[in-house]
C-alpha atoms as a PDB file:
ATOM      1  CA  UNK A   1     129.539 113.977 132.122  1.00  0.00           C
ATOM      2  CA  UNK A   2     126.814 115.340 134.784  1.00  0.00           C
ATOM      3  CA  UNK A   3     123.464 112.844 134.840  1.00  0.00           C
ATOM      4  CA  UNK A   4     121.443 115.702 133.381  1.00  0.00           C
ATOM      5  CA  UNK A   5     123.143 115.774 130.263  1.00  0.00           C
ATOM      6  CA  UNK A   6     123.268 112.056 130.300  1.00  0.00           C
ATOM      7  CA  UNK A   7     119.773 111.241 130.661  1.00  0.00           C
ATOM      8  CA  UNK A   8     119.189 114.206 128.209  1.00  0.00           C
ATOM      9  CA  UNK A   9     121.455 112.385 125.541  1.00  0.00           C
ATOM     10  CA  UNK A  10     119.940 109.003 126.121  1.00  0.00           C
ATOM     11  CA  UNK A  11     116.629 110.144 125.891  1.00  0.00           C
ATOM     12  CA  UNK A  12     117.406 112.355 122.530  1.00  0.00           C
ATOM     13  CA  UNK A  13     118.932 108.930 121.031  1.00  0.00           C
ATOM     14  CA  UNK A  14     115.926 106.953 122.148  1.00  0.00           C
ATOM     15  CA  UNK A  15     113.657 109.502 120.250  1.00  0.00           C
ATOM     16  CA  UNK A  16     116.047 109.147 117.563  1.00  0.00           C
ATOM     17  CA  UNK A  17     116.265 105.621 117.337  1.00  0.00           C
ATOM     18  CA  UNK A  18     112.296 105.671 117.273  1.00  0.00           C
ATOM     19  CA  UNK A  19     111.999 108.333 114.809  1.00  0.00           C
ATOM     20  CA  UNK A  20     114.521 105.891 112.555  1.00  0.00           C
ATOM     21  CA  UNK A  21     112.617 102.444 113.258  1.00  0.00           C
ATOM     22  CA  UNK A  22     109.085 104.670 112.278  1.00  0.00           C
ATOM     23  CA  UNK A  23     110.684 105.874 109.084  1.00  0.00           C
ATOM     24  CA  UNK A  24     112.238 102.405 108.137  1.00  0.00           C
ATOM     25  CA  UNK A  25     108.608 100.612 108.117  1.00  0.00           C
ATOM     26  CA  UNK A  26     107.439  99.844 104.844  1.00  0.00           C
ATOM     27  CA  UNK A  27     104.141 101.263 103.316  1.00  0.00           C
ATOM     28  CA  UNK A  28     101.558  98.890 101.946  1.00  0.00           C
ATOM     29  CA  UNK A  29     102.232  97.505  98.719  1.00  0.00           C
ATOM     30  CA  UNK A  30      99.370  97.862  96.388  1.00  0.00           C
ATOM     31  CA  UNK A  31      98.087  94.187  94.104  1.00  0.00           C
ATOM     32  CA  UNK A  32      95.286  94.360  91.492  1.00  0.00           C
ATOM     33  CA  UNK A  33      93.508  91.008  90.918  1.00  0.00           C
ATOM     34  CA  UNK A  34      91.419  91.000  87.998  1.00  0.00           C
ATOM     35  CA  UNK A  35      88.062  88.947  87.277  1.00  0.00           C
ATOM     36  CA  UNK A  36      88.394  87.887  82.882  1.00  0.00           C
ATOM     37  CA  UNK A  37      86.541  85.497  81.622  1.00  0.00           C
ATOM     38  CA  UNK A  38      84.787  83.815  84.683  1.00  0.00           C
ATOM     39  CA  UNK A  39      88.575  83.531  86.744  1.00  0.00           C
ATOM     40  CA  UNK A  40      90.823  85.741  89.419  1.00  0.00           C
ATOM     41  CA  UNK A  41      94.039  86.576  87.403  1.00  0.00           C
ATOM     42  CA  UNK A  42      96.275  86.112  89.361  1.00  0.00           C
ATOM     43  CA  UNK A  43      94.285  83.266  90.818  1.00  0.00           C
ATOM     44  CA  UNK A  44      97.525  83.231  93.201  1.00  0.00           C
ATOM     45  CA  UNK A  45      99.436  86.111  95.034  1.00  0.00           C
ATOM     46  CA  UNK A  46     101.758  86.156  98.345  1.00  0.00           C
ATOM     47  CA  UNK A  47     101.056  89.333 100.184  1.00  0.00           C
ATOM     48  CA  UNK A  48     102.240  91.167 103.525  1.00  0.00           C
ATOM     49  CA  UNK A  49      99.688  91.782 106.285  1.00  0.00           C
ATOM     50  CA  UNK A  50      98.439  95.004 105.915  1.00  0.00           C
ATOM     51  CA  UNK A  51      98.662  95.362 102.286  1.00  0.00           C
ATOM     52  CA  UNK A  52      95.996  96.328  99.738  1.00  0.00           C
ATOM     53  CA  UNK A  53      94.383  93.794  97.130  1.00  0.00           C
ATOM     54  CA  UNK A  54      92.285  96.077  94.559  1.00  0.00           C
ATOM     55  CA  UNK A  55      89.665  93.411  92.640  1.00  0.00           C
ATOM     56  CA  UNK A  56      88.502  94.922  89.885  1.00  0.00           C
ATOM     57  CA  UNK A  57      86.127  93.481  87.564  1.00  0.00           C
ATOM     58  CA  UNK A  58      87.186  92.946  83.766  1.00  0.00           C
ATOM     59  CA  UNK A  59      84.606  90.821  82.832  1.00  0.00           C
ATOM     60  CA  UNK A  60      81.433  91.197  80.839  1.00  0.00           C
ATOM     61  CA  UNK A  61      79.369  89.553  83.753  1.00  0.00           C
ATOM     62  CA  UNK A  62      78.522  90.420  87.408  1.00  0.00           C
ATOM     63  CA  UNK A  63      80.598  88.724  90.658  1.00  0.00           C
ATOM     64  CA  UNK A  64      79.931  88.200  94.645  1.00  0.00           C
ATOM     65  CA  UNK A  65      83.490  88.671  95.567  1.00  0.00           C
ATOM     66  CA  UNK A  66      83.198  86.658  98.759  1.00  0.00           C
ATOM     67  CA  UNK A  67      85.855  84.999 101.507  1.00  0.00           C
ATOM     68  CA  UNK A  68      84.422  82.455 104.231  1.00  0.00           C
ATOM     69  CA  UNK A  69      88.076  82.284 106.284  1.00  0.00           C
ATOM     70  CA  UNK A  70      88.064  82.575 109.406  1.00  0.00           C
ATOM     71  CA  UNK A  71      89.001  85.966 111.225  1.00  0.00           C
ATOM     72  CA  UNK A  72      88.896  87.585 107.644  1.00  0.00           C
ATOM     73  CA  UNK A  73      85.074  87.256 106.702  1.00  0.00           C
ATOM     74  CA  UNK A  74      83.975  89.745 103.814  1.00  0.00           C
ATOM     75  CA  UNK A  75      81.236  89.977 101.534  1.00  0.00           C
ATOM     76  CA  UNK A  76      81.826  92.917  98.620  1.00  0.00           C
ATOM     77  CA  UNK A  77      78.368  92.529  97.239  1.00  0.00           C
ATOM     78  CA  UNK A  78      77.364  92.158  93.530  1.00  0.00           C
ATOM     79  CA  UNK A  79      80.696  93.830  92.052  1.00  0.00           C
ATOM     80  CA  UNK A  80      79.729  94.689  88.045  1.00  0.00           C
ATOM     81  CA  UNK A  81      81.395  94.565  85.044  1.00  0.00           C
ATOM     82  CA  UNK A  82      84.052  97.633  85.559  1.00  0.00           C
ATOM     83  CA  UNK A  83      83.800  98.526  89.456  1.00  0.00           C
ATOM     84  CA  UNK A  84      86.602  97.947  91.432  1.00  0.00           C
ATOM     85  CA  UNK A  85      86.681  97.196  95.280  1.00  0.00           C
ATOM     86  CA  UNK A  86      89.760  97.551  98.081  1.00  0.00           C
ATOM     87  CA  UNK A  87      90.523  95.137 100.443  1.00  0.00           C
ATOM     88  CA  UNK A  88      93.280  95.783 103.150  1.00  0.00           C
ATOM     89  CA  UNK A  89      94.158  92.218 104.478  1.00  0.00           C
ATOM     90  CA  UNK A  90      94.958  93.314 108.053  1.00  0.00           C
ATOM     91  CA  UNK A  91      94.611  89.734 109.108  1.00  0.00           C
ATOM     92  CA  UNK A  92      96.833  87.390 111.263  1.00  0.00           C
ATOM     93  CA  UNK A  93      95.618  84.336 108.984  1.00  0.00           C
ATOM     94  CA  UNK A  94      98.204  83.002 106.696  1.00  0.00           C
ATOM     95  CA  UNK A  95      96.180  82.092 103.899  1.00  0.00           C
ATOM     96  CA  UNK A  96      92.724  83.587 102.956  1.00  0.00           C
ATOM     97  CA  UNK A  97      90.493  82.256 100.220  1.00  0.00           C
ATOM     98  CA  UNK A  98      88.525  84.935  97.956  1.00  0.00           C
ATOM     99  CA  UNK A  99      85.898  82.942  96.304  1.00  0.00           C
ATOM    100  CA  UNK A 100      82.725  84.785  93.633  1.00  0.00           C
ATOM    101  CA  UNK A 101      79.173  83.465  95.379  1.00  0.00           C
ATOM    102  CA  UNK A 102      77.825  83.341  91.913  1.00  0.00           C
ATOM    103  CA  UNK A 103      80.508  81.278  89.954  1.00  0.00           C
ATOM    104  CA  UNK A 104      81.571  78.724  92.681  1.00  0.00           C
ATOM    105  CA  UNK A 105      84.471  77.862  89.824  1.00  0.00           C
ATOM    106  CA  UNK A 106      86.430  81.058  91.170  1.00  0.00           C
ATOM    107  CA  UNK A 107      89.016  81.270  93.442  1.00  0.00           C
ATOM    108  CA  UNK A 108      91.824  83.717  94.669  1.00  0.00           C
ATOM    109  CA  UNK A 109      94.473  82.330  97.289  1.00  0.00           C
ATOM    110  CA  UNK A 110      96.615  84.909  98.824  1.00  0.00           C
ATOM    111  CA  UNK A 111      98.944  84.070 101.334  1.00  0.00           C
ATOM    112  CA  UNK A 112      99.992  86.570 103.851  1.00  0.00           C
ATOM    113  CA  UNK A 113     102.957  86.953 105.169  1.00  0.00           C
ATOM    114  CA  UNK A 114     103.059  88.366 109.004  1.00  0.00           C
END
């Protein structure tokens, strides 16, 4: 086989493997956590990095969703009943603690697998 044909075949194989690798990557999963009776349901969650968590207020009172976890700080402000917010967990933190700044007993523990 000529060197040019070998180079073309090698480039085509590299491209095909690269496309297969991109296609094999999973889409982010989406999880829903509700706020009900002054607690997060569920109160623990295991996800993968890049997954999406929707926090929905199914309670009859407002909540203030926050995380003070280093390198993954967020503040979703006041969340009225019926409102929901989406969080993309693109973090290297292995454990993210989500709480409510109004009701300090509310806690959601999110384990993020890398």
